[in-house]
Amino acid sequence: MASLEDLLFSKEHEWVRVDGESATIGITDYAQNALGDIVYVELPKVGTTIAQFANVGVIESVKAVSDLFTPISGEVIEVNGALESDPAAVNREPYGTGWLLKLRPTNPDETKSLLSSAEYEKIAAD
């Protein structure tokens, strides 16, 4: 797992790690904790183009069904297929094996509207 300092966050409790031509997206520890035991994750198909903050899928827990949003725009280049058989990986390792999808970013400047780890911590603490 990379350091949380390497991540950027949305106010909707998603994170993104930009690494050159790809960006990995997931939900935060705060979000998975609030959801409870995750039982199902629905993700977009590879090749789908998604706008910043658009709905990209659904995450279902024993408590609720919640929409997933993307913190940046891009084309889906990979989804975490392991979540089909083990959606609870999101609970165990939201910043590691519980990642959701990878995008090829289409507008790198969008990261400027996201929060740093320290800024996100303040929001999550409220």
N, C-alpha and C. Protein backbone atom coordinates (compact mmCIF):
# COMPACT_ATOMS: atom_id res chain seq x y z
N MET A 1 0.85 -1.20 0.00
CA MET A 1 0.00 0.00 0.00
C MET A 1 0.88 1.24 0.00
N ALA A 2 0.55 2.19 -0.83
CA ALA A 2 1.28 3.45 -0.87
C ALA A 2 0.84 4.32 0.30
N SER A 3 1.61 5.31 0.56
CA SER A 3 1.28 6.25 1.63
C SER A 3 0.01 7.03 1.28
N LEU A 4 -0.77 7.36 2.31
CA LEU A 4 -1.96 8.19 2.08
C LEU A 4 -1.57 9.56 1.57
N GLU A 5 -0.34 9.96 1.82
CA GLU A 5 0.15 11.26 1.34
C GLU A 5 0.22 11.29 -0.18
N ASP A 6 0.27 10.11 -0.83
CA ASP A 6 0.34 10.03 -2.29
C ASP A 6 -1.03 10.12 -2.94
N LEU A 7 -2.08 10.17 -2.13
CA LEU A 7 -3.44 10.14 -2.65
C LEU A 7 -4.07 11.52 -2.63
N LEU A 8 -5.06 11.70 -3.50
CA LEU A 8 -5.92 12.88 -3.48
C LEU A 8 -7.34 12.38 -3.20
N PHE A 9 -8.17 13.23 -2.61
CA PHE A 9 -9.48 12.81 -2.14
C PHE A 9 -10.58 13.73 -2.64
N SER A 10 -11.78 13.14 -2.80
CA SER A 10 -12.97 13.94 -3.11
C SER A 10 -13.78 14.10 -1.83
N LYS A 11 -14.66 15.06 -1.84
CA LYS A 11 -15.55 15.26 -0.69
C LYS A 11 -16.56 14.12 -0.56
N GLU A 12 -16.71 13.32 -1.62
CA GLU A 12 -17.62 12.17 -1.61
C GLU A 12 -16.94 10.91 -1.08
N HIS A 13 -15.73 11.06 -0.53
CA HIS A 13 -14.99 9.97 0.13
C HIS A 13 -14.40 8.95 -0.83
N GLU A 14 -14.01 9.41 -2.03
CA GLU A 14 -13.23 8.59 -2.93
C GLU A 14 -11.80 9.10 -2.95
N TRP A 15 -10.89 8.22 -3.27
CA TRP A 15 -9.48 8.61 -3.40
C TRP A 15 -8.98 8.27 -4.80
N VAL A 16 -7.89 8.94 -5.19
CA VAL A 16 -7.26 8.67 -6.47
C VAL A 16 -5.74 8.77 -6.29
N ARG A 17 -5.05 7.84 -6.93
CA ARG A 17 -3.59 7.87 -6.98
C ARG A 17 -3.22 7.95 -8.45
N VAL A 18 -2.66 9.08 -8.88
CA VAL A 18 -2.25 9.25 -10.27
C VAL A 18 -0.81 8.78 -10.40
N ASP A 19 -0.58 7.89 -11.35
CA ASP A 19 0.74 7.32 -11.57
C ASP A 19 1.01 7.34 -13.07
N GLY A 20 1.54 8.44 -13.54
CA GLY A 20 1.83 8.57 -14.97
C GLY A 20 0.55 8.59 -15.79
N GLU A 21 0.38 7.59 -16.65
CA GLU A 21 -0.75 7.54 -17.57
C GLU A 21 -1.98 6.86 -16.98
N SER A 22 -1.91 6.44 -15.71
CA SER A 22 -3.09 5.80 -15.13
C SER A 22 -3.38 6.38 -13.75
N ALA A 23 -4.63 6.22 -13.34
CA ALA A 23 -5.07 6.70 -12.03
C ALA A 23 -5.91 5.59 -11.40
N THR A 24 -5.53 5.20 -10.19
CA THR A 24 -6.26 4.17 -9.45
C THR A 24 -7.24 4.87 -8.52
N ILE A 25 -8.47 4.34 -8.45
CA ILE A 25 -9.54 4.96 -7.67
C ILE A 25 -10.13 3.95 -6.69
N GLY A 26 -10.47 4.44 -5.52
CA GLY A 26 -11.12 3.60 -4.52
C GLY A 26 -11.94 4.46 -3.58
N ILE A 27 -12.51 3.83 -2.56
CA ILE A 27 -13.21 4.60 -1.53
C ILE A 27 -12.32 4.65 -0.29
N THR A 28 -12.55 5.63 0.54
CA THR A 28 -11.71 5.84 1.71
C THR A 28 -12.06 4.88 2.84
N ASP A 29 -11.16 4.80 3.79
CA ASP A 29 -11.40 4.00 4.98
C ASP A 29 -12.63 4.52 5.71
N TYR A 30 -12.78 5.83 5.76
CA TYR A 30 -13.96 6.44 6.39
C TYR A 30 -15.24 5.93 5.72
N ALA A 31 -15.25 5.91 4.38
CA ALA A 31 -16.44 5.49 3.64
C ALA A 31 -16.75 4.01 3.86
N GLN A 32 -15.73 3.17 3.80
CA GLN A 32 -16.00 1.73 3.98
C GLN A 32 -16.48 1.45 5.40
N ASN A 33 -15.96 2.20 6.35
CA ASN A 33 -16.37 2.04 7.75
C ASN A 33 -17.82 2.47 7.94
N ALA A 34 -18.19 3.57 7.29
CA ALA A 34 -19.57 4.07 7.39
C ALA A 34 -20.55 3.10 6.71
N LEU A 35 -20.13 2.47 5.63
CA LEU A 35 -20.99 1.53 4.91
C LEU A 35 -21.20 0.22 5.67
N GLY A 36 -20.18 -0.22 6.36
CA GLY A 36 -20.26 -1.53 7.02
C GLY A 36 -19.82 -2.62 6.06
N ASP A 37 -20.21 -3.85 6.33
CA ASP A 37 -19.77 -4.99 5.54
C ASP A 37 -20.23 -4.89 4.09
N ILE A 38 -19.27 -4.77 3.18
CA ILE A 38 -19.58 -4.63 1.76
C ILE A 38 -19.82 -6.02 1.16
N VAL A 39 -20.96 -6.14 0.46
CA VAL A 39 -21.36 -7.44 -0.08
C VAL A 39 -21.39 -7.48 -1.61
N TYR A 40 -21.33 -6.31 -2.27
CA TYR A 40 -21.41 -6.27 -3.73
C TYR A 40 -20.87 -4.95 -4.24
N VAL A 41 -20.14 -5.02 -5.35
CA VAL A 41 -19.63 -3.81 -6.00
C VAL A 41 -19.93 -3.92 -7.49
N GLU A 42 -20.59 -2.90 -8.04
CA GLU A 42 -20.86 -2.83 -9.48
C GLU A 42 -20.00 -1.73 -10.07
N LEU A 43 -19.17 -2.09 -11.05
CA LEU A 43 -18.23 -1.15 -11.64
C LEU A 43 -18.49 -1.00 -13.14
N PRO A 44 -17.99 0.10 -13.74
CA PRO A 44 -18.22 0.32 -15.18
C PRO A 44 -17.38 -0.65 -16.02
N LYS A 45 -17.73 -0.76 -17.28
CA LYS A 45 -17.00 -1.62 -18.20
C LYS A 45 -15.72 -0.91 -18.68
N VAL A 46 -14.69 -1.70 -18.93
CA VAL A 46 -13.45 -1.18 -19.51
C VAL A 46 -13.81 -0.50 -20.83
N GLY A 47 -13.23 0.66 -21.07
CA GLY A 47 -13.50 1.42 -22.29
C GLY A 47 -14.50 2.54 -22.09
N THR A 48 -15.22 2.51 -20.96
CA THR A 48 -16.19 3.56 -20.65
C THR A 48 -15.45 4.86 -20.35
N THR A 49 -15.95 5.96 -20.90
CA THR A 49 -15.39 7.28 -20.59
C THR A 49 -16.30 7.96 -19.58
N ILE A 50 -15.69 8.51 -18.53
CA ILE A 50 -16.45 9.04 -17.41
C ILE A 50 -15.98 10.45 -17.09
N ALA A 51 -16.93 11.35 -16.82
CA ALA A 51 -16.62 12.72 -16.45
C ALA A 51 -16.33 12.81 -14.95
N GLN A 52 -15.56 13.83 -14.58
CA GLN A 52 -15.23 14.05 -13.16
C GLN A 52 -16.51 14.13 -12.33
N PHE A 53 -16.50 13.46 -11.21
CA PHE A 53 -17.58 13.40 -10.21
C PHE A 53 -18.84 12.69 -10.72
N ALA A 54 -18.75 12.01 -11.87
CA ALA A 54 -19.89 11.27 -12.40
C ALA A 54 -20.04 9.94 -11.65
N ASN A 55 -21.24 9.41 -11.69
CA ASN A 55 -21.52 8.11 -11.10
C ASN A 55 -20.83 7.03 -11.93
N VAL A 56 -20.06 6.16 -11.25
CA VAL A 56 -19.35 5.09 -11.96
C VAL A 56 -19.79 3.70 -11.54
N GLY A 57 -20.71 3.63 -10.61
CA GLY A 57 -21.15 2.31 -10.17
C GLY A 57 -21.88 2.38 -8.86
N VAL A 58 -21.98 1.20 -8.25
CA VAL A 58 -22.74 1.07 -7.00
C VAL A 58 -21.94 0.19 -6.05
N ILE A 59 -22.01 0.53 -4.78
CA ILE A 59 -21.41 -0.31 -3.75
C ILE A 59 -22.51 -0.64 -2.75
N GLU A 60 -22.67 -1.92 -2.45
CA GLU A 60 -23.76 -2.36 -1.60
C GLU A 60 -23.18 -2.99 -0.34
N SER A 61 -23.72 -2.58 0.80
CA SER A 61 -23.31 -3.16 2.07
C SER A 61 -24.54 -3.73 2.76
N VAL A 62 -24.33 -4.33 3.91
CA VAL A 62 -25.46 -4.87 4.66
C VAL A 62 -26.37 -3.74 5.14
N LYS A 63 -25.84 -2.51 5.19
CA LYS A 63 -26.61 -1.36 5.68
C LYS A 63 -27.27 -0.53 4.59
N ALA A 64 -26.60 -0.41 3.43
CA ALA A 64 -27.07 0.55 2.43
C ALA A 64 -26.53 0.24 1.05
N VAL A 65 -27.13 0.87 0.05
CA VAL A 65 -26.62 0.86 -1.31
C VAL A 65 -26.21 2.30 -1.61
N SER A 66 -24.97 2.48 -2.07
CA SER A 66 -24.46 3.82 -2.32
C SER A 66 -23.88 3.92 -3.72
N ASP A 67 -24.04 5.09 -4.32
CA ASP A 67 -23.44 5.34 -5.62
C ASP A 67 -21.95 5.59 -5.45
N LEU A 68 -21.19 5.21 -6.47
CA LEU A 68 -19.76 5.50 -6.52
C LEU A 68 -19.54 6.60 -7.53
N PHE A 69 -18.62 7.50 -7.23
CA PHE A 69 -18.31 8.62 -8.10
C PHE A 69 -16.81 8.62 -8.40
N THR A 70 -16.43 9.19 -9.53
CA THR A 70 -15.02 9.26 -9.87
C THR A 70 -14.48 10.66 -9.58
N PRO A 71 -13.33 10.73 -8.90
CA PRO A 71 -12.77 12.05 -8.58
C PRO A 71 -12.16 12.77 -9.78
N ILE A 72 -11.89 12.04 -10.86
CA ILE A 72 -11.34 12.67 -12.07
C ILE A 72 -11.97 12.02 -13.31
N SER A 73 -11.86 12.73 -14.43
CA SER A 73 -12.36 12.22 -15.71
C SER A 73 -11.36 11.25 -16.32
N GLY A 74 -11.89 10.34 -17.13
CA GLY A 74 -10.99 9.47 -17.85
C GLY A 74 -11.69 8.30 -18.48
N GLU A 75 -10.89 7.46 -19.12
CA GLU A 75 -11.38 6.23 -19.74
C GLU A 75 -11.01 5.08 -18.82
N VAL A 76 -11.99 4.23 -18.53
CA VAL A 76 -11.74 3.07 -17.68
C VAL A 76 -10.81 2.11 -18.42
N ILE A 77 -9.65 1.80 -17.80
CA ILE A 77 -8.71 0.88 -18.43
C ILE A 77 -8.62 -0.45 -17.68
N GLU A 78 -9.16 -0.48 -16.46
CA GLU A 78 -9.16 -1.72 -15.69
C GLU A 78 -10.15 -1.60 -14.54
N VAL A 79 -10.80 -2.70 -14.20
CA VAL A 79 -11.62 -2.76 -13.00
C VAL A 79 -11.06 -3.88 -12.13
N ASN A 80 -11.27 -3.79 -10.85
CA ASN A 80 -10.77 -4.78 -9.91
C ASN A 80 -11.70 -6.00 -9.92
N GLY A 81 -11.42 -6.93 -10.80
CA GLY A 81 -12.24 -8.12 -10.95
C GLY A 81 -12.30 -8.99 -9.71
N ALA A 82 -11.29 -8.90 -8.85
CA ALA A 82 -11.27 -9.70 -7.62
C ALA A 82 -12.44 -9.35 -6.70
N LEU A 83 -13.00 -8.15 -6.87
CA LEU A 83 -14.11 -7.73 -6.00
C LEU A 83 -15.39 -8.49 -6.29
N GLU A 84 -15.49 -9.12 -7.47
CA GLU A 84 -16.68 -9.91 -7.78
C GLU A 84 -16.84 -11.05 -6.78
N SER A 85 -15.74 -11.73 -6.47
CA SER A 85 -15.80 -12.86 -5.54
C SER A 85 -15.44 -12.46 -4.12
N ASP A 86 -14.83 -11.29 -3.94
CA ASP A 86 -14.40 -10.86 -2.61
C ASP A 86 -14.62 -9.35 -2.42
N PRO A 87 -15.90 -8.91 -2.41
CA PRO A 87 -16.15 -7.48 -2.23
C PRO A 87 -15.68 -6.96 -0.88
N ALA A 88 -15.53 -7.83 0.10
CA ALA A 88 -15.09 -7.41 1.43
C ALA A 88 -13.63 -6.92 1.43
N ALA A 89 -12.90 -7.13 0.33
CA ALA A 89 -11.54 -6.58 0.23
C ALA A 89 -11.57 -5.06 0.40
N VAL A 90 -12.67 -4.44 -0.01
CA VAL A 90 -12.81 -2.99 0.15
C VAL A 90 -12.81 -2.63 1.64
N ASN A 91 -13.43 -3.47 2.47
CA ASN A 91 -13.41 -3.25 3.91
C ASN A 91 -12.01 -3.48 4.50
N ARG A 92 -11.38 -4.55 4.07
CA ARG A 92 -10.08 -4.93 4.65
C ARG A 92 -8.96 -3.99 4.24
N GLU A 93 -8.91 -3.64 2.97
CA GLU A 93 -7.81 -2.83 2.46
C GLU A 93 -8.30 -1.80 1.44
N PRO A 94 -9.01 -0.77 1.90
CA PRO A 94 -9.58 0.20 0.95
C PRO A 94 -8.52 0.94 0.13
N TYR A 95 -7.29 1.03 0.65
CA TYR A 95 -6.22 1.72 -0.09
C TYR A 95 -5.27 0.73 -0.76
N GLY A 96 -5.56 -0.57 -0.65
CA GLY A 96 -4.70 -1.59 -1.23
C GLY A 96 -5.48 -2.47 -2.18
N THR A 97 -5.66 -3.75 -1.81
CA THR A 97 -6.32 -4.70 -2.69
C THR A 97 -7.79 -4.38 -2.93
N GLY A 98 -8.36 -3.46 -2.15
CA GLY A 98 -9.76 -3.08 -2.31
C GLY A 98 -9.98 -1.92 -3.26
N TRP A 99 -8.98 -1.59 -4.08
CA TRP A 99 -9.17 -0.53 -5.09
C TRP A 99 -10.31 -0.92 -6.03
N LEU A 100 -10.90 0.08 -6.68
CA LEU A 100 -12.08 -0.18 -7.51
C LEU A 100 -11.79 -0.23 -9.00
N LEU A 101 -11.17 0.81 -9.53
CA LEU A 101 -10.93 0.88 -10.97
C LEU A 101 -9.73 1.74 -11.29
N LYS A 102 -9.28 1.60 -12.53
CA LYS A 102 -8.18 2.43 -13.02
C LYS A 102 -8.65 3.16 -14.27
N LEU A 103 -8.27 4.42 -14.35
CA LEU A 103 -8.63 5.28 -15.48
C LEU A 103 -7.37 5.76 -16.19
N ARG A 104 -7.52 6.10 -17.46
CA ARG A 104 -6.53 6.88 -18.17
C ARG A 104 -7.07 8.31 -18.10
N PRO A 105 -6.46 9.17 -17.26
CA PRO A 105 -6.99 10.52 -17.07
C PRO A 105 -7.05 11.31 -18.37
N THR A 106 -8.14 12.08 -18.54
CA THR A 106 -8.28 12.90 -19.73
C THR A 106 -8.05 14.38 -19.45
N ASN A 107 -8.02 14.77 -18.18
CA ASN A 107 -7.77 16.16 -17.83
C ASN A 107 -6.99 16.22 -16.52
N PRO A 108 -5.66 16.14 -16.58
CA PRO A 108 -4.84 16.11 -15.37
C PRO A 108 -5.06 17.32 -14.44
N ASP A 109 -5.50 18.45 -14.99
CA ASP A 109 -5.72 19.64 -14.16
C ASP A 109 -6.84 19.44 -13.14
N GLU A 110 -7.71 18.45 -13.35
CA GLU A 110 -8.81 18.21 -12.41
C GLU A 110 -8.32 17.86 -11.01
N THR A 111 -7.10 17.34 -10.91
CA THR A 111 -6.59 16.99 -9.60
C THR A 111 -6.46 18.22 -8.70
N LYS A 112 -6.38 19.40 -9.30
CA LYS A 112 -6.26 20.63 -8.51
C LYS A 112 -7.49 20.91 -7.68
N SER A 113 -8.64 20.33 -8.06
CA SER A 113 -9.88 20.56 -7.31
C SER A 113 -10.07 19.53 -6.20
N LEU A 114 -9.14 18.59 -6.06
CA LEU A 114 -9.26 17.55 -5.04
C LEU A 114 -8.53 17.95 -3.76
N LEU A 115 -8.73 17.16 -2.74
CA LEU A 115 -8.19 17.46 -1.41
C LEU A 115 -6.93 16.66 -1.13
N SER A 116 -6.02 17.27 -0.40
CA SER A 116 -4.85 16.53 0.07
C SER A 116 -5.29 15.62 1.22
N SER A 117 -4.40 14.76 1.64
CA SER A 117 -4.69 13.86 2.75
C SER A 117 -5.06 14.65 4.01
N ALA A 118 -4.31 15.69 4.30
CA ALA A 118 -4.58 16.51 5.50
C ALA A 118 -5.93 17.22 5.40
N GLU A 119 -6.24 17.76 4.20
CA GLU A 119 -7.53 18.44 4.01
C GLU A 119 -8.69 17.45 4.15
N TYR A 120 -8.52 16.24 3.60
CA TYR A 120 -9.57 15.24 3.70
C TYR A 120 -9.78 14.80 5.14
N GLU A 121 -8.71 14.63 5.89
CA GLU A 121 -8.82 14.22 7.30
C GLU A 121 -9.73 15.18 8.08
N LYS A 122 -9.63 16.47 7.77
CA LYS A 122 -10.47 17.46 8.48
C LYS A 122 -11.95 17.25 8.15
N ILE A 123 -12.26 16.95 6.89
CA ILE A 123 -13.64 16.72 6.47
C ILE A 123 -14.17 15.43 7.11
N ALA A 124 -13.38 14.38 7.07
CA ALA A 124 -13.80 13.08 7.59
C ALA A 124 -14.00 13.12 9.11
N ALA A 125 -13.30 14.03 9.78
CA ALA A 125 -13.41 14.13 11.24
C ALA A 125 -14.67 14.85 11.68
N ASP A 126 -15.30 15.61 10.78
CA ASP A 126 -16.50 16.39 11.14
C ASP A 126 -17.73 15.50 11.27
